[in-house]
Protein backbone atom coordinates (compact mmCIF):
# COMPACT_ATOMS: atom_id res chain seq x y z
CA UNK A 1 -6.71 -23.34 28.73
CA UNK A 2 -6.30 -21.65 31.81
CA UNK A 3 -8.47 -19.80 33.79
CA UNK A 4 -8.92 -16.27 34.53
CA UNK A 5 -7.28 -16.66 37.88
CA UNK A 6 -4.24 -17.99 36.25
CA UNK A 7 -3.80 -14.95 33.82
CA UNK A 8 -4.15 -12.85 36.74
CA UNK A 9 -1.46 -14.75 38.72
CA UNK A 10 0.64 -14.45 35.66
CA UNK A 11 0.31 -10.65 35.24
CA UNK A 12 0.72 -10.38 39.06
CA UNK A 13 4.35 -12.49 39.40
CA UNK A 14 5.22 -10.03 35.98
CA UNK A 15 4.65 -7.02 37.40
CA UNK A 16 5.97 -7.78 41.08
CA UNK A 17 8.67 -8.98 39.18
CA UNK A 18 9.68 -6.04 36.91
CA UNK A 19 9.05 -3.73 39.74
CA UNK A 20 11.52 -5.94 41.64
CA UNK A 21 14.85 -5.44 39.57
CA UNK A 22 13.59 -1.84 38.59
CA UNK A 23 13.37 -0.50 42.30
CA UNK A 24 16.73 0.47 44.28
CA UNK A 25 17.35 -2.01 47.36
CA UNK A 26 14.99 -1.02 49.94
CA UNK A 27 11.91 -1.80 51.61
CA UNK A 28 9.75 -1.58 48.82
CA UNK A 29 11.91 -3.25 46.54
CA UNK A 30 11.74 -6.36 49.47
CA UNK A 31 7.56 -6.15 48.86
CA UNK A 32 7.81 -6.68 45.18
CA UNK A 33 9.73 -9.96 45.44
CA UNK A 34 8.28 -11.90 48.48
CA UNK A 35 5.05 -10.76 47.05
CA UNK A 36 5.81 -12.91 44.00
CA UNK A 37 6.49 -15.86 46.18
CA UNK A 38 3.46 -15.30 48.43
CA UNK A 39 1.60 -14.86 44.79
CA UNK A 40 2.62 -18.82 44.22
CA UNK A 41 1.09 -19.45 47.91
CA UNK A 42 -2.34 -17.88 47.22
CA UNK A 43 -2.05 -19.74 43.79
CA UNK A 44 -1.78 -22.97 45.48
CA UNK A 45 -4.76 -22.33 48.14
CA UNK A 46 -7.04 -21.18 45.44
CA UNK A 47 -6.37 -23.62 43.09
CA UNK A 48 -6.82 -26.85 45.22
CA UNK A 49 -9.78 -24.76 46.96
CA UNK A 50 -11.72 -24.64 43.43
CA UNK A 51 -10.48 -27.37 41.77
CA UNK A 52 -10.69 -29.73 44.67
CA UNK A 53 -8.53 -32.50 44.46
CA UNK A 54 -8.58 -36.17 46.08
CA UNK A 55 -5.71 -35.31 48.11
CA UNK A 56 -5.88 -31.79 48.96
CA UNK A 57 -3.43 -32.22 51.50
CA UNK A 58 -0.77 -32.40 49.57
CA UNK A 59 -1.50 -29.49 47.66
CA UNK A 60 -1.51 -27.03 51.01
CA UNK A 61 1.84 -29.11 52.65
CA UNK A 62 3.37 -27.24 49.21
CA UNK A 63 1.75 -24.06 50.12
CA UNK A 64 3.09 -24.30 53.26
CA UNK A 65 6.48 -25.18 52.72
CA UNK A 66 6.52 -22.29 50.02
CA UNK A 67 4.89 -19.68 53.06
CA UNK A 68 7.82 -21.37 55.83
CA UNK A 69 10.35 -19.73 52.62
CA UNK A 70 8.43 -16.68 52.36
CA UNK A 71 9.14 -16.20 55.92
CA UNK A 72 12.77 -16.81 55.61
CA UNK A 73 13.13 -14.09 52.68
CA UNK A 74 11.25 -11.62 54.33
CA UNK A 75 13.87 -11.81 57.30
CA UNK A 76 16.66 -12.05 55.38
CA UNK A 77 15.59 -8.70 53.14
CA UNK A 78 14.47 -6.85 56.04
CA UNK A 79 18.23 -7.43 57.18
CA UNK A 80 20.03 -6.59 54.20
CA UNK A 81 17.62 -4.00 52.80
CA UNK A 82 15.93 -2.56 56.23
CA UNK A 83 18.00 -2.49 59.13
CA UNK A 84 21.37 -2.41 56.35
CA UNK A 85 23.07 -5.22 59.15
CA UNK A 86 24.67 -8.25 57.11
CA UNK A 87 22.56 -11.23 57.61
CA UNK A 88 24.48 -13.43 60.09
CA UNK A 89 25.03 -17.43 58.82
CA UNK A 90 23.61 -19.47 60.04
CA UNK A 91 20.53 -17.52 60.79
CA UNK A 92 16.73 -17.82 61.57
CA UNK A 93 16.03 -17.59 57.93
CA UNK A 94 18.54 -20.41 57.26
CA UNK A 95 15.91 -22.50 59.67
CA UNK A 96 12.77 -21.40 57.52
CA UNK A 97 14.49 -22.04 54.23
CA UNK A 98 15.43 -26.06 55.47
CA UNK A 99 12.08 -26.38 56.77
CA UNK A 100 10.68 -26.19 53.06
CA UNK A 101 12.05 -28.80 51.79
CA UNK A 102 10.81 -31.57 53.97
CA UNK A 103 7.32 -30.08 53.43
CA UNK A 104 7.45 -29.44 49.41
CA UNK A 105 8.79 -33.53 49.58
CA UNK A 106 5.98 -34.81 51.65
CA UNK A 107 3.35 -32.70 49.67
CA UNK A 108 5.04 -34.39 46.56
CA UNK A 109 5.12 -38.10 48.39
CA UNK A 110 1.05 -37.66 48.91
CA UNK A 111 0.72 -36.96 45.38
CA UNK A 112 2.99 -40.20 44.20
CA UNK A 113 1.19 -41.97 46.78
CA UNK A 114 -2.64 -41.15 45.50
CA UNK A 115 -1.10 -41.31 41.88
CA UNK A 116 0.30 -45.03 42.30
CA UNK A 117 -1.20 -46.43 45.64
CA UNK A 118 0.60 -49.79 44.72
CA UNK A 119 3.92 -51.08 45.61
CA UNK A 120 6.27 -49.86 42.39
CA UNK A 121 9.80 -50.87 43.16
CA UNK A 122 11.20 -50.32 39.32
CA UNK A 123 9.93 -46.53 40.05
CA UNK A 124 11.55 -46.37 43.35
CA UNK A 125 14.96 -47.84 42.46
CA UNK A 126 14.96 -45.77 38.82
CA UNK A 127 14.47 -42.68 41.60
CA UNK A 128 17.31 -44.15 43.90
CA UNK A 129 19.71 -44.52 41.05
CA UNK A 130 19.22 -41.09 39.57
CA UNK A 131 19.66 -39.65 42.91
CA UNK A 132 22.78 -41.07 43.73
CA UNK A 133 24.22 -40.34 40.61
CA UNK A 134 23.57 -36.21 40.83
CA UNK A 135 24.87 -37.05 44.44
CA UNK A 136 28.03 -37.81 43.46
CA UNK A 137 28.08 -34.73 41.55
CA UNK A 138 26.83 -32.84 44.11
CA UNK A 139 29.40 -34.17 46.45
CA UNK A 140 32.45 -33.17 44.10
CA UNK A 141 31.12 -29.39 43.30
CA UNK A 142 29.17 -28.73 46.48
CA UNK A 143 29.04 -31.10 49.76
CA UNK A 144 32.74 -31.76 49.02
CA UNK A 145 34.01 -28.21 49.67
CA UNK A 146 31.96 -26.99 52.13
CA UNK A 147 33.36 -30.62 54.17
CA UNK A 148 36.74 -29.19 53.53
CA UNK A 149 36.63 -25.82 54.21
CA UNK A 150 38.85 -24.91 57.12
CA UNK A 151 36.88 -22.16 58.19
CA UNK A 152 33.91 -22.87 58.56
CA UNK A 153 32.42 -23.65 62.44
CA UNK A 154 30.24 -26.77 63.03
CA UNK A 155 27.18 -25.00 62.26
CA UNK A 156 27.64 -23.26 59.55
CA UNK A 157 29.13 -26.75 57.98
CA UNK A 158 25.89 -28.51 58.40
CA UNK A 159 23.59 -25.67 57.02
CA UNK A 160 25.72 -25.67 53.93
CA UNK A 161 25.79 -29.37 53.75
CA UNK A 162 21.92 -29.09 54.39
CA UNK A 163 20.48 -27.50 51.76
CA UNK A 164 22.27 -29.49 48.36
CA UNK A 165 20.87 -32.41 50.71
CA UNK A 166 17.52 -31.24 50.81
CA UNK A 167 17.90 -30.03 46.53
CA UNK A 168 18.90 -34.49 46.46
CA UNK A 169 15.75 -35.44 48.30
CA UNK A 170 13.35 -33.25 45.99
CA UNK A 171 15.22 -34.80 42.92
CA UNK A 172 14.30 -38.02 44.19
CA UNK A 173 11.00 -37.30 44.60
CA UNK A 174 10.58 -35.20 41.27
CA UNK A 175 11.92 -38.28 39.20
CA UNK A 176 9.27 -40.65 41.18
CA UNK A 177 6.85 -38.36 40.46
CA UNK A 178 8.04 -38.26 36.70
CA UNK A 179 7.84 -42.21 36.71
CA UNK A 180 4.57 -42.22 38.06
CA UNK A 181 3.37 -41.37 34.56
CA UNK A 182 0.71 -38.36 33.82
CA UNK A 183 3.12 -36.27 31.76
CA UNK A 184 0.86 -35.48 29.74
CA UNK A 185 -1.22 -33.63 32.06
CA UNK A 186 0.06 -29.64 31.67
CA UNK A 187 -0.55 -29.44 35.19
CA UNK A 188 2.11 -32.37 35.49
CA UNK A 189 4.79 -30.96 33.15
CA UNK A 190 4.56 -27.44 34.53
CA UNK A 191 5.00 -29.13 38.13
CA UNK A 192 7.64 -31.19 37.48
CA UNK A 193 9.25 -28.13 35.34
CA UNK A 194 9.20 -26.01 38.41
CA UNK A 195 11.29 -28.48 40.64
CA UNK A 196 13.93 -28.74 38.20
CA UNK A 197 14.19 -25.14 37.94
CA UNK A 198 14.46 -24.94 41.63
CA UNK A 199 16.41 -27.19 42.03
CA UNK A 200 18.65 -25.75 39.48
CA UNK A 201 18.77 -22.48 41.09
CA UNK A 202 19.79 -23.52 44.08
CA UNK A 203 22.71 -25.28 43.06
CA UNK A 204 24.08 -22.54 40.81
CA UNK A 205 22.85 -20.23 43.94
CA UNK A 206 25.49 -22.65 46.16
CA UNK A 207 28.56 -22.82 43.10
CA UNK A 208 27.57 -18.66 43.90
CA UNK A 209 28.25 -18.54 47.59
CA UNK A 210 31.22 -20.89 47.35
CA UNK A 211 32.95 -18.94 44.52
CA UNK A 212 32.23 -15.93 46.30
CA UNK A 213 30.17 -14.28 43.67
CA UNK A 214 26.54 -13.94 45.11
CA UNK A 215 24.64 -11.03 44.67
CA UNK A 216 20.98 -10.37 46.40
CA UNK A 217 18.70 -9.12 43.50
CA UNK A 218 20.95 -10.79 40.41
CA UNK A 219 19.42 -12.24 37.78
CA UNK A 220 19.48 -15.64 39.91
CA UNK A 221 16.43 -14.20 41.39
CA UNK A 222 14.53 -13.93 38.00
CA UNK A 223 15.32 -18.06 37.73
CA UNK A 224 13.54 -18.58 41.10
CA UNK A 225 10.56 -16.13 40.08
CA UNK A 226 10.17 -18.70 36.73
CA UNK A 227 9.54 -21.29 39.83
CA UNK A 228 6.92 -19.28 41.35
CA UNK A 229 5.15 -19.04 38.47
CA UNK A 230 5.36 -22.85 37.56
CA UNK A 231 3.68 -24.39 40.52
CA UNK A 232 1.50 -21.51 40.52
CA UNK A 233 -0.07 -22.41 36.94
CA UNK A 234 0.65 -26.19 38.17
CA UNK A 235 -2.34 -25.58 41.06
CA UNK A 236 -4.20 -23.09 39.11
CA UNK A 237 -5.13 -25.47 35.86
CA UNK A 238 -7.87 -28.05 36.02
CA UNK A 239 -5.85 -30.95 35.10
CA UNK A 240 -4.09 -30.63 38.62
CA UNK A 241 -6.53 -32.55 40.10
CA UNK A 242 -5.04 -36.34 37.69
CA UNK A 243 -2.06 -35.88 39.92
CA UNK A 244 -3.58 -37.20 42.84
CA UNK A 245 -5.30 -39.81 41.17
CA UNK A 246 -4.85 -43.33 40.25
CA UNK A 247 -2.79 -44.09 37.03
CA UNK A 248 -1.07 -47.20 35.29
CA UNK A 249 2.29 -46.72 35.54
CA UNK A 250 4.36 -47.79 32.47
CA UNK A 251 6.87 -50.21 33.63
CA UNK A 252 8.45 -50.19 30.65
CA UNK A 253 12.28 -49.32 30.31
CA UNK A 254 12.13 -46.47 27.71
CA UNK A 255 15.33 -44.70 26.24
CA UNK A 256 15.09 -41.92 27.90
CA UNK A 257 14.73 -43.59 31.07
CA UNK A 258 17.64 -45.97 30.02
CA UNK A 259 19.84 -43.08 29.48
CA UNK A 260 19.58 -41.65 33.00
CA UNK A 261 20.29 -44.60 34.29
CA UNK A 262 23.27 -45.16 32.75
CA UNK A 263 24.41 -41.46 33.24
CA UNK A 264 24.04 -42.20 36.83
CA UNK A 265 25.07 -45.34 37.14
CA UNK A 266 28.92 -43.61 35.40
CA UNK A 267 28.99 -40.84 37.92
CA UNK A 268 31.60 -42.68 40.49
CA UNK A 269 34.22 -43.22 37.58
CA UNK A 270 33.03 -39.59 36.37
CA UNK A 271 33.58 -38.35 39.75
CA UNK A 272 37.21 -39.55 39.49
CA UNK A 273 38.20 -37.87 36.44
CA UNK A 274 36.55 -34.72 37.28
CA UNK A 275 38.54 -34.64 40.63
CA UNK A 276 41.79 -35.86 38.94
CA UNK A 277 41.36 -32.92 36.84
CA UNK A 278 40.46 -30.30 39.28
CA UNK A 279 43.59 -31.87 41.45
CA UNK A 280 41.57 -32.24 44.08
CA UNK A 281 41.59 -35.03 46.98
CA UNK A 282 40.39 -37.97 45.70
CA UNK A 283 37.24 -39.32 48.29
CA UNK A 284 37.53 -42.75 47.97
CA UNK A 285 35.17 -44.10 50.62
CA UNK A 286 31.94 -41.73 48.98
CA UNK A 287 33.38 -42.98 45.15
CA UNK A 288 33.57 -46.61 46.72
CA UNK A 289 30.36 -46.45 48.18
CA UNK A 290 28.36 -44.87 45.55
CA UNK A 291 29.83 -47.02 43.24
CA UNK A 292 28.66 -50.25 45.12
CA UNK A 293 25.14 -48.96 46.10
CA UNK A 294 24.99 -47.95 42.26
CA UNK A 295 25.99 -51.56 41.27
CA UNK A 296 23.92 -53.25 43.45
CA UNK A 297 20.60 -51.00 42.54
CA UNK A 298 21.32 -51.61 38.92
CA UNK A 299 22.05 -55.26 39.64
CA UNK A 300 18.30 -55.42 41.28
CA UNK A 301 16.78 -53.12 38.75
CA UNK A 302 18.15 -55.82 36.01
CA UNK A 303 17.07 -58.65 38.00
CA UNK A 304 13.49 -56.79 38.26
CA UNK A 305 13.56 -56.60 34.01
CA UNK A 306 14.22 -60.66 33.94
CA UNK A 307 11.08 -61.25 35.95
CA UNK A 308 9.36 -59.10 33.58
CA UNK A 309 10.69 -60.70 30.50
CA UNK A 310 10.22 -63.88 31.98
CA UNK A 311 6.40 -63.24 33.45
CA UNK A 312 5.57 -62.10 30.00
CA UNK A 313 6.91 -64.98 28.12
CA UNK A 314 5.08 -66.82 30.99
CA UNK A 315 1.65 -64.88 29.52
CA UNK A 316 2.65 -65.71 26.26
CA UNK A 317 2.48 -69.42 26.95
CA UNK A 318 -0.74 -69.16 28.90
CA UNK A 319 -2.66 -67.50 25.69
CA UNK A 320 -1.30 -70.04 23.46
CA UNK A 321 -2.09 -72.51 25.67
CA UNK A 322 -5.51 -71.30 25.61
CA UNK A 323 -6.00 -70.64 21.89
CA UNK A 324 -4.53 -74.71 21.94
CA UNK A 325 -7.20 -76.10 24.31
CA UNK A 326 -10.11 -73.97 22.55
CA UNK A 327 -9.25 -75.05 19.39
CA UNK A 328 -9.27 -78.75 20.81
CA UNK A 329 -12.48 -78.42 22.23
CA UNK A 330 -13.54 -76.72 19.21
CA UNK A 331 -12.12 -79.45 17.03
CA UNK A 332 -13.79 -82.74 19.75
CA UNK A 333 -17.43 -80.72 19.40
CA UNK A 334 -17.27 -80.93 15.36
CA UNK A 335 -16.46 -84.52 15.56
CA UNK A 336 -19.32 -85.13 18.16
CA UNK A 337 -21.89 -82.77 15.84
CA UNK A 338 -20.70 -84.68 12.59
CA UNK A 339 -21.13 -88.33 14.15
CA UNK A 340 -24.05 -87.58 16.16
CA UNK A 341 -26.83 -84.90 15.35
CA UNK A 342 -25.70 -84.15 12.02
CA UNK A 343 -25.53 -87.95 10.87
CA UNK A 344 -28.97 -88.94 12.65
CA UNK A 345 -30.66 -85.34 10.74
CA UNK A 346 -28.79 -87.05 7.44
CA UNK A 347 -30.82 -90.24 8.50
CA UNK A 348 -33.87 -88.92 9.72
CA UNK A 349 -34.04 -86.50 6.31
CA UNK A 350 -33.91 -89.79 4.20
CA UNK A 351 -36.67 -91.49 6.21
CA UNK A 352 -38.91 -89.08 5.45
CA UNK A 353 -38.11 -89.06 2.00
CA UNK A 354 -39.29 -92.72 1.71
CA UNK A 355 -41.95 -92.36 3.85
CA UNK A 356 -43.53 -89.38 1.30
CA UNK A 357 -42.87 -92.19 -1.49
CA UNK A 358 -45.07 -94.61 0.31
CA UNK A 359 -47.93 -92.34 1.12
CA UNK A 360 -47.61 -91.05 -2.89
CA UNK A 361 -47.65 -95.24 -3.58
CA UNK A 362 -50.59 -95.75 -1.71
CA UNK A 363 -49.49 -97.40 1.26
CA UNK A 364 -50.31 -95.76 4.41
CA UNK A 365 -49.61 -98.57 6.77
CA UNK A 366 -46.27 -99.55 5.54
CA UNK A 367 -45.92 -95.25 5.67
CA UNK A 368 -46.78 -95.06 9.10
CA UNK A 369 -44.85 -97.43 10.51
CA UNK A 370 -42.14 -95.53 8.84
CA UNK A 371 -43.08 -92.93 10.71
CA UNK A 372 -43.02 -94.43 13.97
CA UNK A 373 -39.50 -95.51 13.57
CA UNK A 374 -38.74 -91.73 12.30
CA UNK A 375 -40.07 -90.47 15.49
CA UNK A 376 -37.93 -93.40 18.19
CA UNK A 377 -34.94 -91.90 16.05
CA UNK A 378 -35.74 -88.38 16.61
CA UNK A 379 -36.06 -88.83 20.17
CA UNK A 380 -33.03 -90.42 20.40
CA UNK A 381 -31.09 -87.61 18.63
CA UNK A 382 -33.14 -85.43 21.05
CA UNK A 383 -31.32 -87.05 23.79
CA UNK A 384 -27.88 -87.06 21.82
CA UNK A 385 -28.19 -82.99 21.38
CA UNK A 386 -28.97 -83.29 25.26
CA UNK A 387 -26.30 -85.55 26.34
CA UNK A 388 -23.99 -83.70 23.91
CA UNK A 389 -24.83 -79.62 25.86
CA UNK A 390 -24.47 -81.28 29.04
CA UNK A 391 -20.68 -82.54 28.47
CA UNK A 392 -20.02 -78.70 26.94
CA UNK A 393 -21.33 -77.17 30.58
CA UNK A 394 -23.64 -79.36 32.68
CA UNK A 395 -26.05 -77.57 34.50
CA UNK A 396 -25.63 -79.64 37.77
CA UNK A 397 -22.13 -78.42 38.01
CA UNK A 398 -23.19 -74.84 38.26
CA UNK A 399 -26.60 -76.15 40.10
CA UNK A 400 -25.59 -78.47 42.76
CA UNK A 401 -21.52 -78.29 42.45
CA UNK A 402 -18.66 -80.92 41.57
CA UNK A 403 -19.25 -83.48 43.33
CA UNK A 404 -23.15 -84.31 42.24
CA UNK A 405 -21.77 -83.23 38.48
CA UNK A 406 -18.62 -86.01 39.15
CA UNK A 407 -21.26 -89.12 40.65
CA UNK A 408 -23.62 -87.72 37.60
CA UNK A 409 -20.71 -88.56 35.16
CA UNK A 410 -19.51 -91.25 36.06
CA UNK A 411 -22.92 -93.16 36.20
CA UNK A 412 -23.31 -92.18 33.02
CA UNK A 413 -19.74 -93.32 31.60
CA UNK A 414 -20.57 -97.11 33.76
CA UNK A 415 -23.97 -96.96 32.34
CA UNK A 416 -22.86 -96.28 28.61
CA UNK A 417 -20.00 -98.71 28.49
CA UNK A 418 -20.91 -101.68 31.17
CA UNK A 419 -17.70 -100.60 32.98
CA UNK A 420 -17.82 -101.02 37.10
CA UNK A 421 -17.34 -97.86 38.43
CA UNK A 422 -16.78 -96.37 41.95
CA UNK A 423 -16.66 -93.01 43.07
CA UNK A 424 -16.06 -91.52 46.83
CA UNK A 425 -15.82 -87.35 46.95
CA UNK A 426 -14.25 -85.81 49.92
CA UNK A 427 -15.24 -81.86 49.30
CA UNK A 428 -15.80 -79.57 52.64
CA UNK A 429 -16.89 -76.29 50.25
CA UNK A 430 -17.57 -75.50 46.71
CA UNK A 431 -14.17 -74.18 45.02
CA UNK A 432 -13.95 -72.10 42.71
CA UNK A 433 -16.27 -72.24 39.71
CA UNK A 434 -12.49 -72.60 37.18
CA UNK A 435 -11.18 -75.17 39.51
CA UNK A 436 -14.87 -77.32 39.34
CA UNK A 437 -14.87 -76.73 35.27
CA UNK A 438 -11.24 -78.38 34.91
CA UNK A 439 -11.28 -81.30 37.25
CA UNK A 440 -14.57 -81.83 35.58
CA UNK A 441 -12.83 -81.44 32.39
CA UNK A 442 -10.19 -84.07 32.80
CA UNK A 443 -12.96 -86.27 34.76
CA UNK A 444 -14.45 -86.41 31.38
CA UNK A 445 -11.22 -86.88 29.18
CA UNK A 446 -10.12 -89.10 31.11
CA UNK A 447 -13.21 -91.54 31.32
CA UNK A 448 -13.52 -91.34 27.59
CA UNK A 449 -9.97 -92.26 26.98
CA UNK A 450 -10.71 -95.48 29.02
CA UNK A 451 -14.11 -95.76 27.22
CA UNK A 452 -12.11 -96.37 23.87
CA UNK A 453 -8.61 -97.73 24.45
CA UNK A 454 -8.12 -98.93 28.01
CA UNK A 455 -10.48 -102.35 27.82
CA UNK A 456 -10.56 -102.05 31.61
CA UNK A 457 -13.33 -103.86 33.63
CA UNK A 458 -13.20 -101.59 37.08
CA UNK A 459 -12.60 -97.79 37.56
CA UNK A 460 -12.37 -95.55 40.59
CA UNK A 461 -12.78 -92.19 40.97
CA UNK A 462 -11.55 -90.22 44.17
CA UNK A 463 -12.01 -86.30 44.72
CA UNK A 464 -10.86 -85.11 48.26
CA UNK A 465 -9.69 -81.78 49.77
CA UNK A 466 -6.60 -81.18 52.25
CA UNK A 467 -4.21 -79.30 53.59
CA UNK A 468 -5.35 -76.60 51.29
CA UNK A 469 -5.24 -78.39 48.08
CA UNK A 470 -7.44 -80.62 45.56
CA UNK A 471 -6.47 -84.09 44.96
CA UNK A 472 -9.01 -86.32 41.91
CA UNK A 473 -7.80 -89.38 41.14
CA UNK A 474 -8.85 -91.78 38.45
CA UNK A 475 -7.61 -95.41 38.58
CA UNK A 476 -8.28 -97.87 36.27
CA UNK A 477 -7.22 -101.68 35.44
CA UNK A 478 -7.10 -101.47 31.89
CA UNK A 479 -3.94 -102.71 29.32
CA UNK A 480 -1.80 -99.62 30.34
CA UNK A 481 1.05 -98.27 28.52
CA UNK A 482 4.66 -97.51 28.93
CA UNK A 483 5.67 -94.84 30.86
CA UNK A 484 8.07 -93.87 28.25
CA UNK A 485 5.80 -93.95 26.13
CA UNK A 486 3.37 -92.01 28.64
CA UNK A 487 5.85 -88.74 28.57
CA UNK A 488 5.86 -88.94 25.05
CA UNK A 489 2.12 -88.97 24.80
CA UNK A 490 1.88 -86.48 27.15
CA UNK A 491 3.91 -84.34 24.91
CA UNK A 492 2.76 -85.03 21.46
CA UNK A 493 -0.52 -84.23 22.64
CA UNK A 494 -2.33 -87.99 21.98
CA UNK A 495 -5.41 -88.96 23.70
CA UNK A 496 -6.50 -85.58 24.92
CA UNK A 497 -3.53 -85.93 26.98
CA UNK A 498 -1.87 -81.97 26.35
CA UNK A 499 -5.11 -80.69 26.48
CA UNK A 500 -5.98 -81.98 29.97
CA UNK A 501 -2.51 -81.08 31.44
CA UNK A 502 -2.45 -77.77 29.77
CA UNK A 503 -6.22 -77.54 31.41
CA UNK A 504 -4.75 -78.21 34.64
CA UNK A 505 -1.50 -76.12 34.41
CA UNK A 506 -3.46 -73.27 33.20
CA UNK A 507 -4.99 -73.06 37.27
CA UNK A 508 -1.26 -73.27 38.36
CA UNK A 509 -2.05 -77.41 39.15
CA UNK A 510 0.10 -80.74 38.45
CA UNK A 511 -1.00 -83.59 36.24
CA UNK A 512 0.65 -86.78 36.47
CA UNK A 513 0.21 -90.13 34.87
CA UNK A 514 1.38 -93.51 36.36
CA UNK A 515 0.85 -96.67 33.78
CA UNK A 516 2.28 -99.92 32.87
CA UNK A 517 1.69 -102.23 30.44
CA UNK A 518 -1.48 -104.70 31.72
CA UNK A 519 -1.50 -102.83 35.30
CA UNK A 520 -4.02 -100.14 34.69
CA UNK A 521 -3.31 -96.81 34.35
CA UNK A 522 -3.84 -93.80 37.24
CA UNK A 523 -4.39 -90.26 36.58
CA UNK A 524 -3.59 -87.75 39.25
CA UNK A 525 -4.36 -84.04 39.47
CA UNK A 526 -3.46 -82.13 42.51
CA UNK A 527 -4.16 -78.09 42.61
CA UNK A 528 -4.38 -75.38 45.47
CA UNK A 529 -7.73 -74.53 46.67
CA UNK A 530 -7.84 -70.89 47.31
CA UNK A 531 -11.36 -70.99 48.59
CA UNK A 532 -11.10 -73.54 51.75
């Protein structure tokens, strides 16, 4: 709902607008029209001071630009209706009018920067494609005719061309603002609507001048008043603060955007058809240059879309990898629980039943002996659970870092497997938690494979950081296997190799396995160290 100030603004604009069309050409009529223009300036300033947006400078620039435009109107009407003299062209009023365009564009760019502070190349390319496409159309109907008019002086020609160029500048900024999103906010819809109304009425004004049908006080002036109303209401609505607040940009290429881009890309051949039908000279240079630029921009946009699709595919693959790794971890955990604590608890229950039976039979010494055995088994079960907890997430990894955790892991493997182990580490600082976890898990899985399958007598583990990378290498002198089989096993996920590879790839690393029958196996991991 609009505040009271907005309702007062609409009433004042309608009152002065009606007075403008009812009054005869005079100073009072000029005052009535300029009151509608200055009313928008007042509305923007009042709305900015009341709602206090994050970027008030943007709105003040819009108000300042409109103030200059109003000064140009005052100068023009004063000559036409007060002094009763024909306004020269170009005049001082044209200077005020032309400065209005870059000031309005600067204010809108500040809103865009607040709404989309990061880089958004796709939106910039879209805005450029649409602007160039409409620019080619503008060349046919506005810019080209002024270039070819023989009776214009150089200043007159330059000023005439500057007006449609100013509208093209606003078009580029308006499309960029539209691409930042936020169209659900009423202030955003009003602002964009007002901008397109301004560009449309400027185009009609330019065509009227070319055809000699322009007259001050005509119906076109009513459309300018619609522009004043739209921008004034946008500033007075409380949702105007959202126009300078960060918002996520929708990267999807919707049907509307695709249609606009397709239409803009076809403007070059359309320009050929229009000029041929109108029997105008073909502007080969403009058409060729526009076609090349549009082709390159469209190609760049399509390349960006292809990269986006590839990124989405990669993200999907990474998510699937994480899910598979998580499921593998659950399967391993379930197997460890079944083979360890579950079976030990089952045996403990059976032992307690035997002890109860001996007590019932009056054999306390035998029952006590059995309970002592069960106590030892229970202590062993508790130790197994603690070991399983340590494997899931060893406390030492968080408290003392990867180097100490690997030393403990290797020594524990040496104690349980009887395989002689040597370990060397050379990190200069702690790694990122994700990297430490992955390297710990790869070492854990590799040692498990060595214990189960390698038949090794010696294992060496080395961990080092150099040249911004972390290198982990685990060698054993076991039975090894065929390198071709290693690649096949890696792809098929045997011995946990797929899980190891996926863990490493998730953090951007590389896993390689080198093996040969009778010559042992070497597992190497390399990943970037962002903490170095």
